[in-house]
Amino acid sequence: MRLDKYLPDVLVRTDEESSCTAVVLYECKHCGSKFDEEQGHCTVCGAAEIASYTFNKDCTKQSPVSGSE
């Protein structure tokens, strides 16, 4: 039984490298303000704790690794 049909695409390992565009979002951990570029501090509240999140977009669908059946 193939389990990959029950798992989200992000949990299915692939043999090939995916062709994705990485998008990074920066967000103030204090006030939640969001930025497109890396910040040393929040320009809204002045806090120094800025989180970064990387998202992949425009990914091509990959086939599951053989032997995962």
PDB file of N, CA and C in Angstrom:
ATOM      1  N   MET A   1       0.844  -1.183   0.000  1.00  0.00           N
ATOM      2  CA  MET A   1       0.000   0.000   0.000  1.00  0.00           C
ATOM      3  C   MET A   1       0.885   1.240   0.000  1.00  0.00           C
ATOM      4  N   ARG A   2       0.600   2.160  -0.880  1.00  0.00           N
ATOM      5  CA  ARG A   2       1.373   3.397  -0.968  1.00  0.00           C
ATOM      6  C   ARG A   2       0.833   4.405   0.029  1.00  0.00           C
ATOM      7  N   LEU A   3       1.709   4.887   0.900  1.00  0.00           N
ATOM      8  CA  LEU A   3       1.299   5.849   1.914  1.00  0.00           C
ATOM      9  C   LEU A   3       1.354   7.282   1.420  1.00  0.00           C
ATOM     10  N   ASP A   4       2.100   7.533   0.333  1.00  0.00           N
ATOM     11  CA  ASP A   4       2.276   8.908  -0.112  1.00  0.00           C
ATOM     12  C   ASP A   4       0.968   9.577  -0.516  1.00  0.00           C
ATOM     13  N   LYS A   5      -0.046   8.806  -0.896  1.00  0.00           N
ATOM     14  CA  LYS A   5      -1.311   9.432  -1.273  1.00  0.00           C
ATOM     15  C   LYS A   5      -2.056   9.964  -0.048  1.00  0.00           C
ATOM     16  N   TYR A   6      -1.669   9.515   1.152  1.00  0.00           N
ATOM     17  CA  TYR A   6      -2.297   9.977   2.388  1.00  0.00           C
ATOM     18  C   TYR A   6      -1.508  11.089   3.079  1.00  0.00           C
ATOM     19  N   LEU A   7      -0.309  11.349   2.611  1.00  0.00           N
ATOM     20  CA  LEU A   7       0.552  12.357   3.230  1.00  0.00           C
ATOM     21  C   LEU A   7       0.582  13.631   2.398  1.00  0.00           C
ATOM     22  N   PRO A   8       0.731  14.772   3.035  1.00  0.00           N
ATOM     23  CA  PRO A   8       0.907  16.009   2.275  1.00  0.00           C
ATOM     24  C   PRO A   8       2.186  15.937   1.447  1.00  0.00           C
ATOM     25  N   ASP A   9       2.226  16.684   0.359  1.00  0.00           N
ATOM     26  CA  ASP A   9       3.391  16.676  -0.532  1.00  0.00           C
ATOM     27  C   ASP A   9       4.690  16.982   0.199  1.00  0.00           C
ATOM     28  N   VAL A  10       4.644  17.801   1.243  1.00  0.00           N
ATOM     29  CA  VAL A  10       5.877  18.181   1.938  1.00  0.00           C
ATOM     30  C   VAL A  10       6.483  17.018   2.706  1.00  0.00           C
ATOM     31  N   LEU A  11       5.716  15.965   2.976  1.00  0.00           N
ATOM     32  CA  LEU A  11       6.232  14.824   3.721  1.00  0.00           C
ATOM     33  C   LEU A  11       6.689  13.685   2.835  1.00  0.00           C
ATOM     34  N   VAL A  12       6.514  13.809   1.533  1.00  0.00           N
ATOM     35  CA  VAL A  12       6.915  12.758   0.606  1.00  0.00           C
ATOM     36  C   VAL A  12       8.315  13.078   0.093  1.00  0.00           C
ATOM     37  N   ARG A  13       9.283  12.204   0.416  1.00  0.00           N
ATOM     38  CA  ARG A  13      10.655  12.408  -0.031  1.00  0.00           C
ATOM     39  C   ARG A  13      10.755  12.154  -1.528  1.00  0.00           C
ATOM     40  N   THR A  14      11.603  12.892  -2.210  1.00  0.00           N
ATOM     41  CA  THR A  14      11.757  12.714  -3.649  1.00  0.00           C
ATOM     42  C   THR A  14      13.212  12.457  -4.008  1.00  0.00           C
ATOM     43  N   ASP A  15      13.414  11.813  -5.148  1.00  0.00           N
ATOM     44  CA  ASP A  15      14.763  11.557  -5.645  1.00  0.00           C
ATOM     45  C   ASP A  15      15.363  12.805  -6.274  1.00  0.00           C
ATOM     46  N   GLU A  16      14.546  13.540  -6.983  1.00  0.00           N
ATOM     47  CA  GLU A  16      15.028  14.675  -7.749  1.00  0.00           C
ATOM     48  C   GLU A  16      14.963  15.956  -6.932  1.00  0.00           C
ATOM     49  N   GLU A  17      15.802  16.886  -7.296  1.00  0.00           N
ATOM     50  CA  GLU A  17      15.729  18.212  -6.683  1.00  0.00           C
ATOM     51  C   GLU A  17      14.507  18.916  -7.242  1.00  0.00           C
ATOM     52  N   SER A  18      13.797  19.623  -6.414  1.00  0.00           N
ATOM     53  CA  SER A  18      12.637  20.353  -6.905  1.00  0.00           C
ATOM     54  C   SER A  18      13.085  21.709  -7.424  1.00  0.00           C
ATOM     55  N   SER A  19      12.337  22.238  -8.366  1.00  0.00           N
ATOM     56  CA  SER A  19      12.655  23.569  -8.864  1.00  0.00           C
ATOM     57  C   SER A  19      11.646  24.527  -8.261  1.00  0.00           C
ATOM     58  N   CYS A  20      12.056  25.181  -7.202  1.00  0.00           N
ATOM     59  CA  CYS A  20      11.190  26.090  -6.467  1.00  0.00           C
ATOM     60  C   CYS A  20      11.836  27.466  -6.366  1.00  0.00           C
ATOM     61  N   THR A  21      10.997  28.442  -6.148  1.00  0.00           N
ATOM     62  CA  THR A  21      11.460  29.778  -5.849  1.00  0.00           C
ATOM     63  C   THR A  21      11.279  29.984  -4.353  1.00  0.00           C
ATOM     64  N   ALA A  22      12.356  30.275  -3.645  1.00  0.00           N
ATOM     65  CA  ALA A  22      12.269  30.484  -2.205  1.00  0.00           C
ATOM     66  C   ALA A  22      11.867  31.934  -1.933  1.00  0.00           C
ATOM     67  N   VAL A  23      10.878  32.099  -1.079  1.00  0.00           N
ATOM     68  CA  VAL A  23      10.424  33.418  -0.653  1.00  0.00           C
ATOM     69  C   VAL A  23      10.631  33.489   0.851  1.00  0.00           C
ATOM     70  N   VAL A  24      11.308  34.531   1.328  1.00  0.00           N
ATOM     71  CA  VAL A  24      11.571  34.685   2.753  1.00  0.00           C
ATOM     72  C   VAL A  24      10.719  35.829   3.288  1.00  0.00           C
ATOM     73  N   LEU A  25      10.020  35.559   4.379  1.00  0.00           N
ATOM     74  CA  LEU A  25       9.210  36.563   5.059  1.00  0.00           C
ATOM     75  C   LEU A  25       9.831  36.818   6.419  1.00  0.00           C
ATOM     76  N   TYR A  26       9.998  38.065   6.774  1.00  0.00           N
ATOM     77  CA  TYR A  26      10.526  38.442   8.071  1.00  0.00           C
ATOM     78  C   TYR A  26       9.388  39.019   8.887  1.00  0.00           C
ATOM     79  N   GLU A  27       9.322  38.616  10.172  1.00  0.00           N
ATOM     80  CA  GLU A  27       8.213  39.041  11.011  1.00  0.00           C
ATOM     81  C   GLU A  27       8.716  39.378  12.412  1.00  0.00           C
ATOM     82  N   CYS A  28       8.259  40.499  12.944  1.00  0.00           N
ATOM     83  CA  CYS A  28       8.605  40.902  14.300  1.00  0.00           C
ATOM     84  C   CYS A  28       7.919  39.957  15.284  1.00  0.00           C
ATOM     85  N   LYS A  29       8.694  39.390  16.198  1.00  0.00           N
ATOM     86  CA  LYS A  29       8.125  38.475  17.187  1.00  0.00           C
ATOM     87  C   LYS A  29       7.341  39.231  18.259  1.00  0.00           C
ATOM     88  N   HIS A  30       7.541  40.524  18.357  1.00  0.00           N
ATOM     89  CA  HIS A  30       6.856  41.312  19.386  1.00  0.00           C
ATOM     90  C   HIS A  30       5.494  41.815  18.910  1.00  0.00           C
ATOM     91  N   CYS A  31       5.471  42.496  17.764  1.00  0.00           N
ATOM     92  CA  CYS A  31       4.215  43.116  17.310  1.00  0.00           C
ATOM     93  C   CYS A  31       3.600  42.449  16.081  1.00  0.00           C
ATOM     94  N   GLY A  32       4.345  41.543  15.425  1.00  0.00           N
ATOM     95  CA  GLY A  32       3.795  40.831  14.281  1.00  0.00           C
ATOM     96  C   GLY A  32       3.925  41.544  12.948  1.00  0.00           C
ATOM     97  N   SER A  33       4.600  42.688  12.918  1.00  0.00           N
ATOM     98  CA  SER A  33       4.797  43.392  11.646  1.00  0.00           C
ATOM     99  C   SER A  33       5.614  42.525  10.700  1.00  0.00           C
ATOM    100  N   LYS A  34       5.299  42.593   9.421  1.00  0.00           N
ATOM    101  CA  LYS A  34       5.965  41.763   8.427  1.00  0.00           C
ATOM    102  C   LYS A  34       6.811  42.625   7.490  1.00  0.00           C
ATOM    103  N   PHE A  35       7.947  42.066   7.054  1.00  0.00           N
ATOM    104  CA  PHE A  35       8.885  42.785   6.198  1.00  0.00           C
ATOM    105  C   PHE A  35       9.348  41.882   5.067  1.00  0.00           C
ATOM    106  N   ASP A  36       9.630  42.475   3.919  1.00  0.00           N
ATOM    107  CA  ASP A  36      10.133  41.734   2.770  1.00  0.00           C
ATOM    108  C   ASP A  36      11.643  41.551   2.816  1.00  0.00           C
ATOM    109  N   GLU A  37      12.328  42.409   3.567  1.00  0.00           N
ATOM    110  CA  GLU A  37      13.782  42.356   3.655  1.00  0.00           C
ATOM    111  C   GLU A  37      14.208  42.172   5.101  1.00  0.00           C
ATOM    112  N   GLU A  38      15.390  41.610   5.290  1.00  0.00           N
ATOM    113  CA  GLU A  38      15.907  41.378   6.639  1.00  0.00           C
ATOM    114  C   GLU A  38      16.067  42.706   7.372  1.00  0.00           C
ATOM    115  N   GLN A  39      15.672  42.718   8.627  1.00  0.00           N
ATOM    116  CA  GLN A  39      15.738  43.916   9.455  1.00  0.00           C
ATOM    117  C   GLN A  39      16.578  43.626  10.694  1.00  0.00           C
ATOM    118  N   GLY A  40      17.331  44.599  11.156  1.00  0.00           N
ATOM    119  CA  GLY A  40      18.080  44.462  12.402  1.00  0.00           C
ATOM    120  C   GLY A  40      17.167  44.653  13.599  1.00  0.00           C
ATOM    121  N   HIS A  41      16.118  45.430  13.392  1.00  0.00           N
ATOM    122  CA  HIS A  41      15.118  45.670  14.429  1.00  0.00           C
ATOM    123  C   HIS A  41      13.808  46.032  13.741  1.00  0.00           C
ATOM    124  N   CYS A  42      12.723  45.928  14.477  1.00  0.00           N
ATOM    125  CA  CYS A  42      11.407  46.245  13.918  1.00  0.00           C
ATOM    126  C   CYS A  42      11.279  47.750  13.731  1.00  0.00           C
ATOM    127  N   THR A  43      10.891  48.161  12.552  1.00  0.00           N
ATOM    128  CA  THR A  43      10.732  49.592  12.277  1.00  0.00           C
ATOM    129  C   THR A  43       9.422  50.127  12.852  1.00  0.00           C
ATOM    130  N   VAL A  44       8.550  49.236  13.352  1.00  0.00           N
ATOM    131  CA  VAL A  44       7.272  49.665  13.932  1.00  0.00           C
ATOM    132  C   VAL A  44       7.391  49.830  15.442  1.00  0.00           C
ATOM    133  N   CYS A  45       7.889  48.779  16.142  1.00  0.00           N
ATOM    134  CA  CYS A  45       7.932  48.839  17.609  1.00  0.00           C
ATOM    135  C   CYS A  45       9.346  48.907  18.177  1.00  0.00           C
ATOM    136  N   GLY A  46      10.371  48.686  17.333  1.00  0.00           N
ATOM    137  CA  GLY A  46      11.753  48.781  17.785  1.00  0.00           C
ATOM    138  C   GLY A  46      12.337  47.505  18.367  1.00  0.00           C
ATOM    139  N   ALA A  47      11.560  46.419  18.457  1.00  0.00           N
ATOM    140  CA  ALA A  47      12.057  45.158  19.006  1.00  0.00           C
ATOM    141  C   ALA A  47      13.152  44.574  18.118  1.00  0.00           C
ATOM    142  N   ALA A  48      14.082  43.853  18.746  1.00  0.00           N
ATOM    143  CA  ALA A  48      15.209  43.279  18.006  1.00  0.00           C
ATOM    144  C   ALA A  48      14.969  41.827  17.603  1.00  0.00           C
ATOM    145  N   GLU A  49      13.869  41.224  18.033  1.00  0.00           N
ATOM    146  CA  GLU A  49      13.607  39.817  17.717  1.00  0.00           C
ATOM    147  C   GLU A  49      12.779  39.705  16.435  1.00  0.00           C
ATOM    148  N   ILE A  50      13.464  39.408  15.339  1.00  0.00           N
ATOM    149  CA  ILE A  50      12.829  39.271  14.032  1.00  0.00           C
ATOM    150  C   ILE A  50      12.953  37.815  13.594  1.00  0.00           C
ATOM    151  N   ALA A  51      11.832  37.175  13.337  1.00  0.00           N
ATOM    152  CA  ALA A  51      11.824  35.789  12.862  1.00  0.00           C
ATOM    153  C   ALA A  51      11.845  35.784  11.341  1.00  0.00           C
ATOM    154  N   SER A  52      12.402  34.729  10.769  1.00  0.00           N
ATOM    155  CA  SER A  52      12.378  34.582   9.316  1.00  0.00           C
ATOM    156  C   SER A  52      11.742  33.249   8.965  1.00  0.00           C
ATOM    157  N   TYR A  53      10.902  33.275   7.935  1.00  0.00           N
ATOM    158  CA  TYR A  53      10.199  32.086   7.461  1.00  0.00           C
ATOM    159  C   TYR A  53      10.472  31.949   5.966  1.00  0.00           C
ATOM    160  N   THR A  54      10.855  30.757   5.540  1.00  0.00           N
ATOM    161  CA  THR A  54      11.126  30.509   4.130  1.00  0.00           C
ATOM    162  C   THR A  54      10.005  29.657   3.554  1.00  0.00           C
ATOM    163  N   PHE A  55       9.431  30.140   2.460  1.00  0.00           N
ATOM    164  CA  PHE A  55       8.363  29.431   1.762  1.00  0.00           C
ATOM    165  C   PHE A  55       8.840  29.114   0.357  1.00  0.00           C
ATOM    166  N   ASN A  56       8.485  27.944  -0.133  1.00  0.00           N
ATOM    167  CA  ASN A  56       8.806  27.574  -1.506  1.00  0.00           C
ATOM    168  C   ASN A  56       7.562  27.732  -2.348  1.00  0.00           C
ATOM    169  N   LYS A  57       7.696  28.420  -3.472  1.00  0.00           N
ATOM    170  CA  LYS A  57       6.554  28.575  -4.369  1.00  0.00           C
ATOM    171  C   LYS A  57       6.964  28.176  -5.773  1.00  0.00           C
ATOM    172  N   ASP A  58       5.986  27.922  -6.594  1.00  0.00           N
ATOM    173  CA  ASP A  58       6.206  27.503  -7.978  1.00  0.00           C
ATOM    174  C   ASP A  58       7.005  26.207  -8.051  1.00  0.00           C
ATOM    175  N   CYS A  59       6.740  25.284  -7.134  1.00  0.00           N
ATOM    176  CA  CYS A  59       7.461  24.007  -7.108  1.00  0.00           C
ATOM    177  C   CYS A  59       6.854  23.064  -8.144  1.00  0.00           C
ATOM    178  N   THR A  60       7.740  22.289  -8.737  1.00  0.00           N
ATOM    179  CA  THR A  60       7.262  21.259  -9.644  1.00  0.00           C
ATOM    180  C   THR A  60       6.982  20.003  -8.838  1.00  0.00           C
ATOM    181  N   LYS A  61       5.967  19.274  -9.215  1.00  0.00           N
ATOM    182  CA  LYS A  61       5.603  18.043  -8.511  1.00  0.00           C
ATOM    183  C   LYS A  61       6.639  16.980  -8.814  1.00  0.00           C
ATOM    184  N   GLN A  62       7.127  16.309  -7.788  1.00  0.00           N
ATOM    185  CA  GLN A  62       8.131  15.277  -7.944  1.00  0.00           C
ATOM    186  C   GLN A  62       7.500  13.917  -7.698  1.00  0.00           C
ATOM    187  N   SER A  63       8.093  12.885  -8.267  1.00  0.00           N
ATOM    188  CA  SER A  63       7.610  11.525  -8.029  1.00  0.00           C
ATOM    189  C   SER A  63       8.224  10.993  -6.741  1.00  0.00           C
ATOM    190  N   PRO A  64       7.503  10.149  -6.009  1.00  0.00           N
ATOM    191  CA  PRO A  64       8.038   9.590  -4.759  1.00  0.00           C
ATOM    192  C   PRO A  64       9.247   8.709  -5.021  1.00  0.00           C
ATOM    193  N   VAL A  65      10.058   8.544  -4.003  1.00  0.00           N
ATOM    194  CA  VAL A  65      11.242   7.688  -4.091  1.00  0.00           C
ATOM    195  C   VAL A  65      10.791   6.255  -4.327  1.00  0.00           C
ATOM    196  N   SER A  66      11.466   5.569  -5.235  1.00  0.00           N
ATOM    197  CA  SER A  66      11.113   4.179  -5.488  1.00  0.00           C
ATOM    198  C   SER A  66      11.393   3.352  -4.238  1.00  0.00           C
ATOM    199  N   GLY A  67      10.569   2.367  -4.004  1.00  0.00           N
ATOM    200  CA  GLY A  67      10.725   1.541  -2.812  1.00  0.00           C
ATOM    201  C   GLY A  67       9.893   2.042  -1.646  1.00  0.00           C
ATOM    202  N   SER A  68       9.125   3.115  -1.842  1.00  0.00           N
ATOM    203  CA  SER A  68       8.308   3.646  -0.754  1.00  0.00           C
ATOM    204  C   SER A  68       6.918   3.042  -0.770  1.00  0.00           C
ATOM    205  N   GLU A  69       6.744   1.986  -1.532  1.00  0.00           N
ATOM    206  CA  GLU A  69       5.434   1.337  -1.640  1.00  0.00           C
ATOM    207  C   GLU A  69       5.189   0.395  -0.494  1.00  0.00           C
TER     208      GLU A  69
END
